[in-house]
Amino acid sequence: FGITPEDARFIELRDRFLDLYEANLCVNTRLFPGV
């Protein structure tokens, strides 16, 4: 979004992003090959 923590919408977008990530934690996440 081209924003920094000083942006007025940063906290709102951050919290929504974290909620979306929490709901999709291990859809395509994998151990790296060889791990």
All heavy atoms as atom14 arrays in JSON, in Angstrom:
{
  "sequence": "FGITPEDARFIELRDRFLDLYEANLCVNTRLFPGV",
  "atom14_mask": [
    [1, 1, 1, 1, 1, 1, 1, 1, 1, 1, 1, 0, 0, 0],
    [1, 1, 1, 1, 0, 0, 0, 0, 0, 0, 0, 0, 0, 0],
    [1, 1, 1, 1, 1, 1, 1, 1, 0, 0, 0, 0, 0, 0],
    [1, 1, 1, 1, 1, 1, 1, 0, 0, 0, 0, 0, 0, 0],
    [1, 1, 1, 1, 1, 1, 1, 0, 0, 0, 0, 0, 0, 0],
    [1, 1, 1, 1, 1, 1, 1, 1, 1, 0, 0, 0, 0, 0],
    [1, 1, 1, 1, 1, 1, 1, 1, 0, 0, 0, 0, 0, 0],
    [1, 1, 1, 1, 1, 0, 0, 0, 0, 0, 0, 0, 0, 0],
    [1, 1, 1, 1, 1, 1, 1, 1, 1, 1, 1, 0, 0, 0],
    [1, 1, 1, 1, 1, 1, 1, 1, 1, 1, 1, 0, 0, 0],
    [1, 1, 1, 1, 1, 1, 1, 1, 0, 0, 0, 0, 0, 0],
    [1, 1, 1, 1, 1, 1, 1, 1, 1, 0, 0, 0, 0, 0],
    [1, 1, 1, 1, 1, 1, 1, 1, 0, 0, 0, 0, 0, 0],
    [1, 1, 1, 1, 1, 1, 1, 1, 1, 1, 1, 0, 0, 0],
    [1, 1, 1, 1, 1, 1, 1, 1, 0, 0, 0, 0, 0, 0],
    [1, 1, 1, 1, 1, 1, 1, 1, 1, 1, 1, 0, 0, 0],
    [1, 1, 1, 1, 1, 1, 1, 1, 1, 1, 1, 0, 0, 0],
    [1, 1, 1, 1, 1, 1, 1, 1, 0, 0, 0, 0, 0, 0],
    [1, 1, 1, 1, 1, 1, 1, 1, 0, 0, 0, 0, 0, 0],
    [1, 1, 1, 1, 1, 1, 1, 1, 0, 0, 0, 0, 0, 0],
    [1, 1, 1, 1, 1, 1, 1, 1, 1, 1, 1, 1, 0, 0],
    [1, 1, 1, 1, 1, 1, 1, 1, 1, 0, 0, 0, 0, 0],
    [1, 1, 1, 1, 1, 0, 0, 0, 0, 0, 0, 0, 0, 0],
    [1, 1, 1, 1, 1, 1, 1, 1, 0, 0, 0, 0, 0, 0],
    [1, 1, 1, 1, 1, 1, 1, 1, 0, 0, 0, 0, 0, 0],
    [1, 1, 1, 1, 1, 1, 0, 0, 0, 0, 0, 0, 0, 0],
    [1, 1, 1, 1, 1, 1, 1, 0, 0, 0, 0, 0, 0, 0],
    [1, 1, 1, 1, 1, 1, 1, 1, 0, 0, 0, 0, 0, 0],
    [1, 1, 1, 1, 1, 1, 1, 0, 0, 0, 0, 0, 0, 0],
    [1, 1, 1, 1, 1, 1, 1, 1, 1, 1, 1, 0, 0, 0],
    [1, 1, 1, 1, 1, 1, 1, 1, 0, 0, 0, 0, 0, 0],
    [1, 1, 1, 1, 1, 1, 1, 1, 1, 1, 1, 0, 0, 0],
    [1, 1, 1, 1, 1, 1, 1, 0, 0, 0, 0, 0, 0, 0],
    [1, 1, 1, 1, 0, 0, 0, 0, 0, 0, 0, 0, 0, 0],
    [1, 1, 1, 1, 1, 1, 1, 0, 0, 0, 0, 0, 0, 0]
  ],
  "atom14_positions": [
    [[0.81, -1.23, 0.0], [0.0, 0.0, 0.0], [0.83, 1.27, 0.0], [0.27, 2.37, -0.04], [-0.94, 0.01, 1.22], [-1.98, -1.06, 1.17], [-1.73, -2.31, 1.73], [-3.21, -0.85, 0.55], [-2.69, -3.32, 1.69], [-4.17, -1.85, 0.5], [-3.91, -3.09, 1.06], [0.0, 0.0, 0.0], [0.0, 0.0, 0.0], [0.0, 0.0, 0.0]],
    [[2.15, 1.13, 0.09], [2.99, 2.32, 0.09], [2.8, 3.2, 1.3], [2.93, 4.43, 1.2], [0.0, 0.0, 0.0], [0.0, 0.0, 0.0], [0.0, 0.0, 0.0], [0.0, 0.0, 0.0], [0.0, 0.0, 0.0], [0.0, 0.0, 0.0], [0.0, 0.0, 0.0], [0.0, 0.0, 0.0], [0.0, 0.0, 0.0], [0.0, 0.0, 0.0]],
    [[2.49, 2.58, 2.45], [2.26, 3.36, 3.66], [3.28, 3.0, 4.73], [3.93, 1.95, 4.67], [0.83, 3.18, 4.21], [0.61, 1.72, 4.64], [-0.21, 3.6, 3.18], [-0.71, 1.51, 5.36], [0.0, 0.0, 0.0], [0.0, 0.0, 0.0], [0.0, 0.0, 0.0], [0.0, 0.0, 0.0], [0.0, 0.0, 0.0], [0.0, 0.0, 0.0]],
    [[3.4, 3.87, 5.72], [4.27, 3.66, 6.86], [3.42, 3.69, 8.13], [2.24, 4.07, 8.08], [5.33, 4.77, 6.94], [4.68, 6.01, 7.24], [6.1, 4.89, 5.62], [0.0, 0.0, 0.0], [0.0, 0.0, 0.0], [0.0, 0.0, 0.0], [0.0, 0.0, 0.0], [0.0, 0.0, 0.0], [0.0, 0.0, 0.0], [0.0, 0.0, 0.0]],
    [[4.0, 3.3, 9.27], [3.23, 3.33, 10.53], [2.69, 4.7, 10.88], [1.76, 4.8, 11.7], [4.25, 2.85, 11.56], [5.17, 1.97, 10.79], [5.31, 2.64, 9.45], [0.0, 0.0, 0.0], [0.0, 0.0, 0.0], [0.0, 0.0, 0.0], [0.0, 0.0, 0.0], [0.0, 0.0, 0.0], [0.0, 0.0, 0.0], [0.0, 0.0, 0.0]],
    [[3.23, 5.75, 10.29], [2.74, 7.1, 10.57], [1.46, 7.42, 9.8], [0.78, 8.4, 10.12], [3.82, 8.13, 10.22], [5.03, 8.12, 11.14], [5.92, 6.91, 10.98], [6.09, 6.45, 9.81], [6.41, 6.4, 12.0], [0.0, 0.0, 0.0], [0.0, 0.0, 0.0], [0.0, 0.0, 0.0], [0.0, 0.0, 0.0], [0.0, 0.0, 0.0]],
    [[1.13, 6.59, 8.8], [-0.08, 6.83, 8.0], [-1.32, 6.65, 8.85], [-1.39, 5.78, 9.72], [-0.1, 5.87, 6.82], [-1.18, 6.21, 5.81], [-2.36, 5.86, 6.06], [-0.86, 6.81, 4.77], [0.0, 0.0, 0.0], [0.0, 0.0, 0.0], [0.0, 0.0, 0.0], [0.0, 0.0, 0.0], [0.0, 0.0, 0.0], [0.0, 0.0, 0.0]],
    [[-2.33, 7.46, 8.6], [-3.56, 7.44, 9.4], [-4.27, 6.1, 9.35], [-4.93, 5.71, 10.32], [-4.5, 8.55, 8.92], [0.0, 0.0, 0.0], [0.0, 0.0, 0.0], [0.0, 0.0, 0.0], [0.0, 0.0, 0.0], [0.0, 0.0, 0.0], [0.0, 0.0, 0.0], [0.0, 0.0, 0.0], [0.0, 0.0, 0.0], [0.0, 0.0, 0.0]],
    [[-4.14, 5.36, 8.26], [-4.84, 4.08, 8.12], [-3.96, 2.89, 8.45], [-4.41, 1.74, 8.31], [-5.38, 3.92, 6.7], [-6.49, 4.89, 6.31], [-7.24, 4.37, 5.1], [-7.95, 3.13, 5.41], [-8.29, 2.22, 4.47], [-7.93, 2.4, 3.21], [-8.95, 1.13, 4.81], [0.0, 0.0, 0.0], [0.0, 0.0, 0.0], [0.0, 0.0, 0.0]],
    [[-2.74, 3.11, 8.87], [-1.82, 1.99, 9.05], [-2.36, 0.96, 10.04], [-2.36, -0.24, 9.75], [-0.45, 2.48, 9.5], [0.54, 1.35, 9.71], [1.23, 0.82, 8.63], [0.74, 0.8, 10.96], [2.12, -0.22, 8.79], [1.63, -0.25, 11.14], [2.32, -0.76, 10.06], [0.0, 0.0, 0.0], [0.0, 0.0, 0.0], [0.0, 0.0, 0.0]],
    [[-2.78, 1.38, 11.21], [-3.22, 0.43, 12.23], [-4.44, -0.35, 11.77], [-4.54, -1.57, 11.95], [-3.5, 1.17, 13.55], [-2.19, 1.71, 14.13], [-4.18, 0.23, 14.56], [-2.36, 2.49, 15.41], [0.0, 0.0, 0.0], [0.0, 0.0, 0.0], [0.0, 0.0, 0.0], [0.0, 0.0, 0.0], [0.0, 0.0, 0.0], [0.0, 0.0, 0.0]],
    [[-5.37, 0.34, 11.12], [-6.57, -0.32, 10.6], [-6.21, -1.4, 9.59], [-6.69, -2.55, 9.67], [-7.48, 0.72, 9.95], [-8.68, 0.14, 9.2], [-9.33, 1.15, 8.26], [-8.98, 2.34, 8.32], [-10.18, 0.71, 7.45], [0.0, 0.0, 0.0], [0.0, 0.0, 0.0], [0.0, 0.0, 0.0], [0.0, 0.0, 0.0], [0.0, 0.0, 0.0]],
    [[-5.34, -1.05, 8.64], [-4.95, -2.01, 7.61], [-4.08, -3.12, 8.19], [-4.21, -4.28, 7.8], [-4.2, -1.3, 6.48], [-5.04, -0.37, 5.61], [-4.15, 0.42, 4.66], [-6.09, -1.16, 4.82], [0.0, 0.0, 0.0], [0.0, 0.0, 0.0], [0.0, 0.0, 0.0], [0.0, 0.0, 0.0], [0.0, 0.0, 0.0], [0.0, 0.0, 0.0]],
    [[-3.22, -2.78, 9.14], [-2.39, -3.8, 9.78], [-3.24, -4.84, 10.49], [-3.02, -6.05, 10.34], [-1.44, -3.14, 10.79], [-0.54, -4.13, 11.54], [-0.02, -3.53, 12.82], [-1.1, -3.27, 13.77], [-0.95, -2.58, 14.89], [0.24, -2.06, 15.2], [-1.98, -2.39, 15.7], [0.0, 0.0, 0.0], [0.0, 0.0, 0.0], [0.0, 0.0, 0.0]],
    [[-4.21, -4.38, 11.26], [-5.04, -5.32, 12.01], [-5.85, -6.22, 11.08], [-6.0, -7.42, 11.34], [-5.97, -4.56, 12.96], [-5.22, -3.9, 14.11], [-4.01, -4.2, 14.28], [-5.82, -3.08, 14.82], [0.0, 0.0, 0.0], [0.0, 0.0, 0.0], [0.0, 0.0, 0.0], [0.0, 0.0, 0.0], [0.0, 0.0, 0.0], [0.0, 0.0, 0.0]],
    [[-6.34, -5.65, 10.0], [-7.1, -6.46, 9.04], [-6.19, -7.45, 8.33], [-6.56, -8.62, 8.13], [-7.8, -5.56, 8.01], [-8.63, -6.31, 6.97], [-9.69, -7.18, 7.62], [-10.44, -7.94, 6.62], [-11.05, -9.09, 6.88], [-11.01, -9.62, 8.11], [-11.72, -9.72, 5.94], [0.0, 0.0, 0.0], [0.0, 0.0, 0.0], [0.0, 0.0, 0.0]],
    [[-4.99, -7.01, 7.97], [-4.02, -7.9, 7.34], [-3.69, -9.08, 8.26], [-3.67, -10.24, 7.82], [-2.74, -7.15, 6.99], [-1.58, -8.04, 6.67], [-1.52, -8.72, 5.47], [-0.55, -8.24, 7.59], [-0.46, -9.57, 5.17], [0.51, -9.08, 7.31], [0.55, -9.75, 6.1], [0.0, 0.0, 0.0], [0.0, 0.0, 0.0], [0.0, 0.0, 0.0]],
    [[-3.45, -8.81, 9.53], [-3.1, -9.87, 10.47], [-4.25, -10.85, 10.65], [-4.04, -12.06, 10.78], [-2.68, -9.27, 11.81], [-1.38, -8.46, 11.78], [-1.11, -7.84, 13.14], [-0.2, -9.32, 11.32], [0.0, 0.0, 0.0], [0.0, 0.0, 0.0], [0.0, 0.0, 0.0], [0.0, 0.0, 0.0], [0.0, 0.0, 0.0], [0.0, 0.0, 0.0]],
    [[-5.47, -10.35, 10.65], [-6.63, -11.24, 10.75], [-6.72, -12.14, 9.52], [-7.01, -13.35, 9.63], [-7.92, -10.43, 10.89], [-8.08, -9.81, 12.27], [-7.38, -10.26, 13.22], [-8.89, -8.87, 12.41], [0.0, 0.0, 0.0], [0.0, 0.0, 0.0], [0.0, 0.0, 0.0], [0.0, 0.0, 0.0], [0.0, 0.0, 0.0], [0.0, 0.0, 0.0]],
    [[-6.49, -11.57, 8.35], [-6.53, -12.36, 7.11], [-5.41, -13.39, 7.09], [-5.61, -14.53, 6.64], [-6.43, -11.44, 5.89], [-7.66, -10.58, 5.6], [-7.33, -9.5, 4.58], [-8.82, -11.45, 5.11], [0.0, 0.0, 0.0], [0.0, 0.0, 0.0], [0.0, 0.0, 0.0], [0.0, 0.0, 0.0], [0.0, 0.0, 0.0], [0.0, 0.0, 0.0]],
    [[-4.24, -13.01, 7.59], [-3.13, -13.96, 7.63], [-3.42, -15.09, 8.61], [-3.17, -16.26, 8.3], [-1.83, -13.23, 8.0], [-0.64, -14.16, 8.06], [-0.32, -14.98, 6.98], [0.17, -14.23, 9.2], [0.77, -15.83, 7.02], [1.26, -15.08, 9.25], [1.55, -15.88, 8.17], [2.62, -16.74, 8.22], [0.0, 0.0, 0.0], [0.0, 0.0, 0.0]],
    [[-3.97, -14.75, 9.75], [-4.28, -15.78, 10.74], [-5.28, -16.8, 10.19], [-5.22, -17.99, 10.52], [-4.85, -15.14, 12.0], [-5.06, -16.1, 13.16], [-5.46, -15.39, 14.43], [-6.08, -14.3, 14.34], [-5.17, -15.92, 15.52], [0.0, 0.0, 0.0], [0.0, 0.0, 0.0], [0.0, 0.0, 0.0], [0.0, 0.0, 0.0], [0.0, 0.0, 0.0]],
    [[-6.16, -16.35, 9.31], [-7.16, -17.24, 8.72], [-6.6, -18.07, 7.57], [-7.26, -19.0, 7.09], [-8.36, -16.42, 8.23], [0.0, 0.0, 0.0], [0.0, 0.0, 0.0], [0.0, 0.0, 0.0], [0.0, 0.0, 0.0], [0.0, 0.0, 0.0], [0.0, 0.0, 0.0], [0.0, 0.0, 0.0], [0.0, 0.0, 0.0], [0.0, 0.0, 0.0]],
    [[-5.38, -17.74, 7.13], [-4.77, -18.43, 5.98], [-3.31, -18.77, 6.25], [-2.45, -18.64, 5.39], [-4.87, -17.54, 4.73], [-6.29, -17.26, 4.31], [-6.92, -18.06, 3.63], [-6.82, -16.11, 4.73], [0.0, 0.0, 0.0], [0.0, 0.0, 0.0], [0.0, 0.0, 0.0], [0.0, 0.0, 0.0], [0.0, 0.0, 0.0], [0.0, 0.0, 0.0]],
    [[-3.04, -19.25, 7.46], [-1.67, -19.47, 7.91], [-0.9, -20.52, 7.12], [0.29, -20.38, 6.88], [-1.66, -19.87, 9.39], [-1.63, -18.77, 10.43], [-1.7, -19.39, 11.82], [-0.38, -17.91, 10.29], [0.0, 0.0, 0.0], [0.0, 0.0, 0.0], [0.0, 0.0, 0.0], [0.0, 0.0, 0.0], [0.0, 0.0, 0.0], [0.0, 0.0, 0.0]],
    [[-1.59, -21.6, 6.78], [-0.87, -22.73, 6.18], [-1.59, -23.26, 4.95], [-1.8, -24.45, 4.8], [-0.68, -23.83, 7.22], [0.72, -24.92, 6.85], [0.0, 0.0, 0.0], [0.0, 0.0, 0.0], [0.0, 0.0, 0.0], [0.0, 0.0, 0.0], [0.0, 0.0, 0.0], [0.0, 0.0, 0.0], [0.0, 0.0, 0.0], [0.0, 0.0, 0.0]],
    [[-1.94, -22.34, 4.05], [-2.55, -22.73, 2.78], [-1.47, -23.23, 1.83], [-1.54, -24.33, 1.27], [-3.32, -21.55, 2.17], [-3.9, -21.95, 0.81], [-4.43, -21.08, 3.1], [0.0, 0.0, 0.0], [0.0, 0.0, 0.0], [0.0, 0.0, 0.0], [0.0, 0.0, 0.0], [0.0, 0.0, 0.0], [0.0, 0.0, 0.0], [0.0, 0.0, 0.0]],
    [[-0.45, -22.4, 1.65], [0.64, -22.74, 0.73], [2.02, -22.75, 1.41], [3.03, -22.93, 0.75], [0.67, -21.76, -0.44], [-0.59, -21.83, -1.27], [-0.93, -22.89, -1.79], [-1.31, -20.73, -1.41], [0.0, 0.0, 0.0], [0.0, 0.0, 0.0], [0.0, 0.0, 0.0], [0.0, 0.0, 0.0], [0.0, 0.0, 0.0], [0.0, 0.0, 0.0]],
    [[2.06, -22.52, 2.72], [3.33, -22.53, 3.45], [3.87, -23.95, 3.53], [3.14, -24.88, 3.85], [3.13, -21.96, 4.86], [2.87, -20.55, 4.75], [4.36, -22.18, 5.73], [0.0, 0.0, 0.0], [0.0, 0.0, 0.0], [0.0, 0.0, 0.0], [0.0, 0.0, 0.0], [0.0, 0.0, 0.0], [0.0, 0.0, 0.0], [0.0, 0.0, 0.0]],
    [[5.15, -24.08, 3.26], [5.81, -25.39, 3.31], [7.21, -25.22, 3.89], [7.79, -24.13, 3.85], [5.95, -26.0, 1.89], [4.63, -26.21, 1.17], [3.82, -27.34, 1.77], [2.62, -27.61, 0.98], [1.44, -27.02, 1.17], [1.32, -26.09, 2.12], [0.41, -27.32, 0.43], [0.0, 0.0, 0.0], [0.0, 0.0, 0.0], [0.0, 0.0, 0.0]],
    [[7.78, -26.3, 4.41], [9.19, -26.29, 4.76], [10.0, -26.14, 3.49], [9.63, -26.66, 2.43], [9.58, -27.58, 5.47], [8.9, -27.88, 6.82], [9.38, -29.23, 7.34], [9.18, -26.77, 7.83], [0.0, 0.0, 0.0], [0.0, 0.0, 0.0], [0.0, 0.0, 0.0], [0.0, 0.0, 0.0], [0.0, 0.0, 0.0], [0.0, 0.0, 0.0]],
    [[11.12, -25.43, 3.57], [11.99, -25.32, 2.4], [12.52, -26.7, 2.03], [12.73, -27.56, 2.9], [13.17, -24.4, 2.71], [12.85, -22.94, 2.58], [12.63, -22.16, 3.7], [12.79, -22.33, 1.34], [12.34, -20.82, 3.6], [12.5, -20.98, 1.21], [12.27, -20.22, 2.34], [0.0, 0.0, 0.0], [0.0, 0.0, 0.0], [0.0, 0.0, 0.0]],
    [[12.75, -26.96, 0.75], [13.33, -28.24, 0.35], [14.64, -28.5, 1.09], [15.52, -27.63, 1.14], [13.58, -28.05, -1.16], [12.57, -27.02, -1.57], [12.45, -26.08, -0.41], [0.0, 0.0, 0.0], [0.0, 0.0, 0.0], [0.0, 0.0, 0.0], [0.0, 0.0, 0.0], [0.0, 0.0, 0.0], [0.0, 0.0, 0.0], [0.0, 0.0, 0.0]],
    [[14.75, -29.67, 1.66], [15.94, -30.04, 2.41], [15.81, -29.85, 3.91], [16.59, -30.43, 4.68], [0.0, 0.0, 0.0], [0.0, 0.0, 0.0], [0.0, 0.0, 0.0], [0.0, 0.0, 0.0], [0.0, 0.0, 0.0], [0.0, 0.0, 0.0], [0.0, 0.0, 0.0], [0.0, 0.0, 0.0], [0.0, 0.0, 0.0], [0.0, 0.0, 0.0]],
    [[14.83, -29.07, 4.36], [14.68, -28.83, 5.8], [14.27, -30.11, 6.53], [14.8, -30.43, 7.6], [13.67, -27.7, 6.08], [13.24, -27.7, 7.55], [14.27, -26.35, 5.71], [0.0, 0.0, 0.0], [0.0, 0.0, 0.0], [0.0, 0.0, 0.0], [0.0, 0.0, 0.0], [0.0, 0.0, 0.0], [0.0, 0.0, 0.0], [0.0, 0.0, 0.0]]
  ]
}
